[in-house]
Amino acid sequence: MAHRTILTPKQREVLFGLPADEAQLLKHYTLSDEDLDHIGQRRRPRNRLGFALQLCALRYPGRALLPGEVIPVEIADFLAA
């Protein structure tokens, strides 16, 4: 059976892509006090940023980061701050 693609590459990027503009970062990637406590208590300092990135990607757009996926610098800078 032939494999059919439902979404165009552009539609797939809009649906599953990581946001990089400031309004979307504030809306989707602001960590709550509970998030910060969880990250701080259960993660080693060298893993905290990576865990925060995974947590945010799981929430929006609702998927895990792929191996080797390059995170937009805007997201990393926002969470690191």
PDB file of N, CA and C in Angstrom:
ATOM      1  N   MET A   1       0.843  -1.173   0.000  1.00  0.00           N
ATOM      2  CA  MET A   1       0.000   0.000   0.000  1.00  0.00           C
ATOM      3  C   MET A   1       0.895   1.246   0.000  1.00  0.00           C
ATOM      4  N   ALA A   2       0.533   2.202  -0.772  1.00  0.00           N
ATOM      5  CA  ALA A   2       1.304   3.436  -0.887  1.00  0.00           C
ATOM      6  C   ALA A   2       1.172   4.267   0.384  1.00  0.00           C
ATOM      7  N   HIS A   3       2.262   4.917   0.732  1.00  0.00           N
ATOM      8  CA  HIS A   3       2.289   5.798   1.905  1.00  0.00           C
ATOM      9  C   HIS A   3       1.801   7.177   1.469  1.00  0.00           C
ATOM     10  N   ARG A   4       0.769   7.683   2.166  1.00  0.00           N
ATOM     11  CA  ARG A   4       0.237   9.003   1.834  1.00  0.00           C
ATOM     12  C   ARG A   4       0.634  10.001   2.898  1.00  0.00           C
ATOM     13  N   THR A   5       0.971  11.182   2.467  1.00  0.00           N
ATOM     14  CA  THR A   5       1.299  12.268   3.375  1.00  0.00           C
ATOM     15  C   THR A   5       0.096  13.186   3.486  1.00  0.00           C
ATOM     16  N   ILE A   6      -0.356  13.369   4.711  1.00  0.00           N
ATOM     17  CA  ILE A   6      -1.538  14.200   4.934  1.00  0.00           C
ATOM     18  C   ILE A   6      -1.158  15.675   4.986  1.00  0.00           C
ATOM     19  N   LEU A   7      -0.053  15.979   5.635  1.00  0.00           N
ATOM     20  CA  LEU A   7       0.377  17.367   5.803  1.00  0.00           C
ATOM     21  C   LEU A   7       1.534  17.693   4.870  1.00  0.00           C
ATOM     22  N   THR A   8       1.541  18.899   4.397  1.00  0.00           N
ATOM     23  CA  THR A   8       2.690  19.381   3.631  1.00  0.00           C
ATOM     24  C   THR A   8       3.823  19.655   4.608  1.00  0.00           C
ATOM     25  N   PRO A   9       5.058  19.749   4.123  1.00  0.00           N
ATOM     26  CA  PRO A   9       6.160  20.073   5.033  1.00  0.00           C
ATOM     27  C   PRO A   9       5.932  21.388   5.794  1.00  0.00           C
ATOM     28  N   LYS A  10       5.361  22.378   5.148  1.00  0.00           N
ATOM     29  CA  LYS A  10       5.079  23.665   5.811  1.00  0.00           C
ATOM     30  C   LYS A  10       4.045  23.476   6.928  1.00  0.00           C
ATOM     31  N   GLN A  11       2.983  22.717   6.660  1.00  0.00           N
ATOM     32  CA  GLN A  11       1.959  22.463   7.681  1.00  0.00           C
ATOM     33  C   GLN A  11       2.545  21.679   8.854  1.00  0.00           C
ATOM     34  N   ARG A  12       3.401  20.718   8.561  1.00  0.00           N
ATOM     35  CA  ARG A  12       4.045  19.922   9.611  1.00  0.00           C
ATOM     36  C   ARG A  12       4.920  20.814  10.500  1.00  0.00           C
ATOM     37  N   GLU A  13       5.639  21.747   9.892  1.00  0.00           N
ATOM     38  CA  GLU A  13       6.489  22.674  10.650  1.00  0.00           C
ATOM     39  C   GLU A  13       5.652  23.573  11.544  1.00  0.00           C
ATOM     40  N   VAL A  14       4.542  24.068  11.029  1.00  0.00           N
ATOM     41  CA  VAL A  14       3.660  24.929  11.832  1.00  0.00           C
ATOM     42  C   VAL A  14       3.095  24.153  13.010  1.00  0.00           C
ATOM     43  N   LEU A  15       2.716  22.906  12.800  1.00  0.00           N
ATOM     44  CA  LEU A  15       2.090  22.098  13.838  1.00  0.00           C
ATOM     45  C   LEU A  15       3.088  21.597  14.872  1.00  0.00           C
ATOM     46  N   PHE A  16       4.241  21.120  14.433  1.00  0.00           N
ATOM     47  CA  PHE A  16       5.195  20.479  15.330  1.00  0.00           C
ATOM     48  C   PHE A  16       6.456  21.281  15.604  1.00  0.00           C
ATOM     49  N   GLY A  17       6.626  22.421  14.952  1.00  0.00           N
ATOM     50  CA  GLY A  17       7.833  23.220  15.126  1.00  0.00           C
ATOM     51  C   GLY A  17       7.883  23.901  16.488  1.00  0.00           C
ATOM     52  N   LEU A  18       9.076  24.181  16.929  1.00  0.00           N
ATOM     53  CA  LEU A  18       9.274  24.873  18.203  1.00  0.00           C
ATOM     54  C   LEU A  18       9.188  26.381  17.968  1.00  0.00           C
ATOM     55  N   PRO A  19       8.401  27.095  18.760  1.00  0.00           N
ATOM     56  CA  PRO A  19       8.247  28.536  18.543  1.00  0.00           C
ATOM     57  C   PRO A  19       9.526  29.275  18.912  1.00  0.00           C
ATOM     58  N   ALA A  20       9.784  30.365  18.228  1.00  0.00           N
ATOM     59  CA  ALA A  20      10.996  31.126  18.519  1.00  0.00           C
ATOM     60  C   ALA A  20      10.724  32.611  18.718  1.00  0.00           C
ATOM     61  N   ASP A  21       9.480  33.070  18.545  1.00  0.00           N
ATOM     62  CA  ASP A  21       9.217  34.487  18.758  1.00  0.00           C
ATOM     63  C   ASP A  21       8.842  34.720  20.227  1.00  0.00           C
ATOM     64  N   GLU A  22       9.075  35.925  20.697  1.00  0.00           N
ATOM     65  CA  GLU A  22       8.957  36.235  22.122  1.00  0.00           C
ATOM     66  C   GLU A  22       7.562  35.975  22.688  1.00  0.00           C
ATOM     67  N   ALA A  23       6.529  36.317  21.954  1.00  0.00           N
ATOM     68  CA  ALA A  23       5.165  36.106  22.450  1.00  0.00           C
ATOM     69  C   ALA A  23       4.886  34.621  22.677  1.00  0.00           C
ATOM     70  N   GLN A  24       5.307  33.779  21.745  1.00  0.00           N
ATOM     71  CA  GLN A  24       5.092  32.340  21.888  1.00  0.00           C
ATOM     72  C   GLN A  24       5.959  31.744  23.000  1.00  0.00           C
ATOM     73  N   LEU A  25       7.170  32.253  23.150  1.00  0.00           N
ATOM     74  CA  LEU A  25       8.028  31.783  24.243  1.00  0.00           C
ATOM     75  C   LEU A  25       7.398  32.086  25.594  1.00  0.00           C
ATOM     76  N   LEU A  26       6.891  33.290  25.749  1.00  0.00           N
ATOM     77  CA  LEU A  26       6.242  33.663  27.005  1.00  0.00           C
ATOM     78  C   LEU A  26       4.992  32.829  27.257  1.00  0.00           C
ATOM     79  N   LYS A  27       4.245  32.581  26.211  1.00  0.00           N
ATOM     80  CA  LYS A  27       2.991  31.839  26.348  1.00  0.00           C
ATOM     81  C   LYS A  27       3.232  30.365  26.693  1.00  0.00           C
ATOM     82  N   HIS A  28       4.174  29.727  26.025  1.00  0.00           N
ATOM     83  CA  HIS A  28       4.332  28.284  26.143  1.00  0.00           C
ATOM     84  C   HIS A  28       5.498  27.835  27.014  1.00  0.00           C
ATOM     85  N   TYR A  29       6.504  28.670  27.199  1.00  0.00           N
ATOM     86  CA  TYR A  29       7.735  28.206  27.838  1.00  0.00           C
ATOM     87  C   TYR A  29       8.085  28.915  29.135  1.00  0.00           C
ATOM     88  N   THR A  30       7.129  29.576  29.750  1.00  0.00           N
ATOM     89  CA  THR A  30       7.369  30.152  31.074  1.00  0.00           C
ATOM     90  C   THR A  30       7.187  29.046  32.102  1.00  0.00           C
ATOM     91  N   LEU A  31       8.195  28.815  32.919  1.00  0.00           N
ATOM     92  CA  LEU A  31       8.159  27.738  33.908  1.00  0.00           C
ATOM     93  C   LEU A  31       7.508  28.225  35.199  1.00  0.00           C
ATOM     94  N   SER A  32       6.661  27.388  35.760  1.00  0.00           N
ATOM     95  CA  SER A  32       6.003  27.724  37.022  1.00  0.00           C
ATOM     96  C   SER A  32       6.960  27.457  38.182  1.00  0.00           C
ATOM     97  N   ASP A  33       6.585  27.925  39.365  1.00  0.00           N
ATOM     98  CA  ASP A  33       7.393  27.652  40.559  1.00  0.00           C
ATOM     99  C   ASP A  33       7.499  26.145  40.797  1.00  0.00           C
ATOM    100  N   GLU A  34       6.410  25.434  40.548  1.00  0.00           N
ATOM    101  CA  GLU A  34       6.421  23.971  40.699  1.00  0.00           C
ATOM    102  C   GLU A  34       7.395  23.324  39.716  1.00  0.00           C
ATOM    103  N   ASP A  35       7.409  23.815  38.479  1.00  0.00           N
ATOM    104  CA  ASP A  35       8.359  23.307  37.482  1.00  0.00           C
ATOM    105  C   ASP A  35       9.795  23.532  37.946  1.00  0.00           C
ATOM    106  N   LEU A  36      10.068  24.735  38.409  1.00  0.00           N
ATOM    107  CA  LEU A  36      11.432  25.065  38.854  1.00  0.00           C
ATOM    108  C   LEU A  36      11.851  24.221  40.050  1.00  0.00           C
ATOM    109  N   ASP A  37      10.926  23.975  40.978  1.00  0.00           N
ATOM    110  CA  ASP A  37      11.231  23.106  42.121  1.00  0.00           C
ATOM    111  C   ASP A  37      11.549  21.694  41.651  1.00  0.00           C
ATOM    112  N   HIS A  38      10.739  21.190  40.740  1.00  0.00           N
ATOM    113  CA  HIS A  38      10.945  19.837  40.215  1.00  0.00           C
ATOM    114  C   HIS A  38      12.294  19.739  39.506  1.00  0.00           C
ATOM    115  N   ILE A  39      12.589  20.700  38.682  1.00  0.00           N
ATOM    116  CA  ILE A  39      13.858  20.706  37.953  1.00  0.00           C
ATOM    117  C   ILE A  39      15.031  20.798  38.926  1.00  0.00           C
ATOM    118  N   GLY A  40      14.911  21.660  39.933  1.00  0.00           N
ATOM    119  CA  GLY A  40      16.002  21.861  40.878  1.00  0.00           C
ATOM    120  C   GLY A  40      16.235  20.706  41.829  1.00  0.00           C
ATOM    121  N   GLN A  41      15.189  20.029  42.246  1.00  0.00           N
ATOM    122  CA  GLN A  41      15.325  18.958  43.228  1.00  0.00           C
ATOM    123  C   GLN A  41      15.733  17.625  42.624  1.00  0.00           C
ATOM    124  N   ARG A  42      15.329  17.371  41.433  1.00  0.00           N
ATOM    125  CA  ARG A  42      15.500  16.032  40.882  1.00  0.00           C
ATOM    126  C   ARG A  42      16.496  15.953  39.739  1.00  0.00           C
ATOM    127  N   ARG A  43      17.176  17.013  39.469  1.00  0.00           N
ATOM    128  CA  ARG A  43      18.130  17.012  38.360  1.00  0.00           C
ATOM    129  C   ARG A  43      19.470  17.567  38.826  1.00  0.00           C
ATOM    130  N   ARG A  44      20.535  17.033  38.245  1.00  0.00           N
ATOM    131  CA  ARG A  44      21.864  17.562  38.527  1.00  0.00           C
ATOM    132  C   ARG A  44      22.032  18.880  37.776  1.00  0.00           C
ATOM    133  N   PRO A  45      22.888  19.759  38.277  1.00  0.00           N
ATOM    134  CA  PRO A  45      23.048  21.063  37.617  1.00  0.00           C
ATOM    135  C   PRO A  45      23.350  20.967  36.121  1.00  0.00           C
ATOM    136  N   ARG A  46      24.130  19.982  35.720  1.00  0.00           N
ATOM    137  CA  ARG A  46      24.497  19.882  34.297  1.00  0.00           C
ATOM    138  C   ARG A  46      23.340  19.407  33.421  1.00  0.00           C
ATOM    139  N   ASN A  47      22.273  18.864  34.023  1.00  0.00           N
ATOM    140  CA  ASN A  47      21.144  18.347  33.252  1.00  0.00           C
ATOM    141  C   ASN A  47      19.910  19.232  33.313  1.00  0.00           C
ATOM    142  N   ARG A  48      19.928  20.259  34.104  1.00  0.00           N
ATOM    143  CA  ARG A  48      18.710  21.047  34.339  1.00  0.00           C
ATOM    144  C   ARG A  48      18.183  21.743  33.090  1.00  0.00           C
ATOM    145  N   LEU A  49      19.051  22.346  32.323  1.00  0.00           N
ATOM    146  CA  LEU A  49      18.589  23.042  31.118  1.00  0.00           C
ATOM    147  C   LEU A  49      18.013  22.054  30.115  1.00  0.00           C
ATOM    148  N   GLY A  50      18.669  20.928  29.927  1.00  0.00           N
ATOM    149  CA  GLY A  50      18.163  19.912  29.009  1.00  0.00           C
ATOM    150  C   GLY A  50      16.814  19.369  29.451  1.00  0.00           C
ATOM    151  N   PHE A  51      16.666  19.157  30.755  1.00  0.00           N
ATOM    152  CA  PHE A  51      15.385  18.682  31.271  1.00  0.00           C
ATOM    153  C   PHE A  51      14.302  19.731  31.046  1.00  0.00           C
ATOM    154  N   ALA A  52      14.625  20.995  31.285  1.00  0.00           N
ATOM    155  CA  ALA A  52      13.652  22.072  31.066  1.00  0.00           C
ATOM    156  C   ALA A  52      13.250  22.150  29.597  1.00  0.00           C
ATOM    157  N   LEU A  53      14.203  21.978  28.691  1.00  0.00           N
ATOM    158  CA  LEU A  53      13.890  21.981  27.256  1.00  0.00           C
ATOM    159  C   LEU A  53      12.958  20.829  26.892  1.00  0.00           C
ATOM    160  N   GLN A  54      13.242  19.635  27.414  1.00  0.00           N
ATOM    161  CA  GLN A  54      12.371  18.490  27.149  1.00  0.00           C
ATOM    162  C   GLN A  54      10.972  18.710  27.715  1.00  0.00           C
ATOM    163  N   LEU A  55      10.909  19.232  28.944  1.00  0.00           N
ATOM    164  CA  LEU A  55       9.623  19.495  29.584  1.00  0.00           C
ATOM    165  C   LEU A  55       8.783  20.457  28.750  1.00  0.00           C
ATOM    166  N   CYS A  56       9.390  21.513  28.287  1.00  0.00           N
ATOM    167  CA  CYS A  56       8.668  22.505  27.485  1.00  0.00           C
ATOM    168  C   CYS A  56       8.240  21.936  26.141  1.00  0.00           C
ATOM    169  N   ALA A  57       9.086  21.146  25.499  1.00  0.00           N
ATOM    170  CA  ALA A  57       8.725  20.555  24.209  1.00  0.00           C
ATOM    171  C   ALA A  57       7.592  19.544  24.371  1.00  0.00           C
ATOM    172  N   LEU A  58       7.577  18.821  25.492  1.00  0.00           N
ATOM    173  CA  LEU A  58       6.482  17.879  25.718  1.00  0.00           C
ATOM    174  C   LEU A  58       5.157  18.604  25.902  1.00  0.00           C
ATOM    175  N   ARG A  59       5.205  19.774  26.495  1.00  0.00           N
ATOM    176  CA  ARG A  59       3.976  20.546  26.697  1.00  0.00           C
ATOM    177  C   ARG A  59       3.528  21.233  25.420  1.00  0.00           C
ATOM    178  N   TYR A  60       4.465  21.826  24.708  1.00  0.00           N
ATOM    179  CA  TYR A  60       4.153  22.478  23.442  1.00  0.00           C
ATOM    180  C   TYR A  60       5.367  22.383  22.545  1.00  0.00           C
ATOM    181  N   PRO A  61       5.274  21.765  21.452  1.00  0.00           N
ATOM    182  CA  PRO A  61       4.112  21.338  20.686  1.00  0.00           C
ATOM    183  C   PRO A  61       3.593  19.945  21.021  1.00  0.00           C
ATOM    184  N   GLY A  62       3.997  19.352  22.125  1.00  0.00           N
ATOM    185  CA  GLY A  62       3.444  18.057  22.530  1.00  0.00           C
ATOM    186  C   GLY A  62       4.220  16.876  21.993  1.00  0.00           C
ATOM    187  N   ARG A  63       5.520  17.015  21.913  1.00  0.00           N
ATOM    188  CA  ARG A  63       6.358  15.923  21.424  1.00  0.00           C
ATOM    189  C   ARG A  63       7.716  15.989  22.105  1.00  0.00           C
ATOM    190  N   ALA A  64       8.398  14.858  22.133  1.00  0.00           N
ATOM    191  CA  ALA A  64       9.754  14.826  22.678  1.00  0.00           C
ATOM    192  C   ALA A  64      10.718  15.390  21.641  1.00  0.00           C
ATOM    193  N   LEU A  65      11.810  15.917  22.130  1.00  0.00           N
ATOM    194  CA  LEU A  65      12.854  16.379  21.221  1.00  0.00           C
ATOM    195  C   LEU A  65      13.489  15.172  20.551  1.00  0.00           C
ATOM    196  N   LEU A  66      13.783  15.288  19.295  1.00  0.00           N
ATOM    197  CA  LEU A  66      14.372  14.190  18.536  1.00  0.00           C
ATOM    198  C   LEU A  66      15.881  14.154  18.754  1.00  0.00           C
ATOM    199  N   PRO A  67      16.490  12.973  18.712  1.00  0.00           N
ATOM    200  CA  PRO A  67      17.943  12.898  18.838  1.00  0.00           C
ATOM    201  C   PRO A  67      18.611  13.753  17.763  1.00  0.00           C
ATOM    202  N   GLY A  68      19.526  14.586  18.180  1.00  0.00           N
ATOM    203  CA  GLY A  68      20.242  15.454  17.247  1.00  0.00           C
ATOM    204  C   GLY A  68      19.478  16.688  16.814  1.00  0.00           C
ATOM    205  N   GLU A  69      18.264  16.866  17.333  1.00  0.00           N
ATOM    206  CA  GLU A  69      17.477  18.047  16.957  1.00  0.00           C
ATOM    207  C   GLU A  69      18.145  19.309  17.501  1.00  0.00           C
ATOM    208  N   VAL A  70      18.250  20.304  16.674  1.00  0.00           N
ATOM    209  CA  VAL A  70      18.864  21.571  17.071  1.00  0.00           C
ATOM    210  C   VAL A  70      17.774  22.477  17.627  1.00  0.00           C
ATOM    211  N   ILE A  71      17.963  22.885  18.876  1.00  0.00           N
ATOM    212  CA  ILE A  71      17.014  23.760  19.552  1.00  0.00           C
ATOM    213  C   ILE A  71      17.303  25.199  19.117  1.00  0.00           C
ATOM    214  N   PRO A  72      16.278  25.949  18.732  1.00  0.00           N
ATOM    215  CA  PRO A  72      16.526  27.358  18.391  1.00  0.00           C
ATOM    216  C   PRO A  72      17.174  28.092  19.565  1.00  0.00           C
ATOM    217  N   VAL A  73      18.151  28.899  19.277  1.00  0.00           N
ATOM    218  CA  VAL A  73      18.897  29.607  20.316  1.00  0.00           C
ATOM    219  C   VAL A  73      17.990  30.498  21.148  1.00  0.00           C
ATOM    220  N   GLU A  74      16.907  31.001  20.561  1.00  0.00           N
ATOM    221  CA  GLU A  74      15.967  31.844  21.310  1.00  0.00           C
ATOM    222  C   GLU A  74      15.328  31.073  22.463  1.00  0.00           C
ATOM    223  N   ILE A  75      15.022  29.809  22.226  1.00  0.00           N
ATOM    224  CA  ILE A  75      14.417  28.982  23.280  1.00  0.00           C
ATOM    225  C   ILE A  75      15.427  28.687  24.378  1.00  0.00           C
ATOM    226  N   ALA A  76      16.619  28.285  23.994  1.00  0.00           N
ATOM    227  CA  ALA A  76      17.657  27.983  24.985  1.00  0.00           C
ATOM    228  C   ALA A  76      17.999  29.213  25.823  1.00  0.00           C
ATOM    229  N   ASP A  77      18.135  30.352  25.186  1.00  0.00           N
ATOM    230  CA  ASP A  77      18.443  31.583  25.921  1.00  0.00           C
ATOM    231  C   ASP A  77      17.306  31.959  26.870  1.00  0.00           C
ATOM    232  N   PHE A  78      16.058  31.807  26.417  1.00  0.00           N
ATOM    233  CA  PHE A  78      14.896  32.140  27.226  1.00  0.00           C
ATOM    234  C   PHE A  78      14.859  31.269  28.472  1.00  0.00           C
ATOM    235  N   LEU A  79      15.033  29.958  28.319  1.00  0.00           N
ATOM    236  CA  LEU A  79      14.968  29.067  29.469  1.00  0.00           C
ATOM    237  C   LEU A  79      16.195  29.206  30.376  1.00  0.00           C
ATOM    238  N   ALA A  80      17.336  29.469  29.783  1.00  0.00           N
ATOM    239  CA  ALA A  80      18.538  29.630  30.602  1.00  0.00           C
ATOM    240  C   ALA A  80      18.459  30.863  31.494  1.00  0.00           C
ATOM    241  N   ALA A  81      17.769  31.894  31.006  1.00  0.00           N
ATOM    242  CA  ALA A  81      17.640  33.110  31.796  1.00  0.00           C
ATOM    243  C   ALA A  81      16.748  32.850  32.991  1.00  0.00           C
TER     244      ALA A  81
END
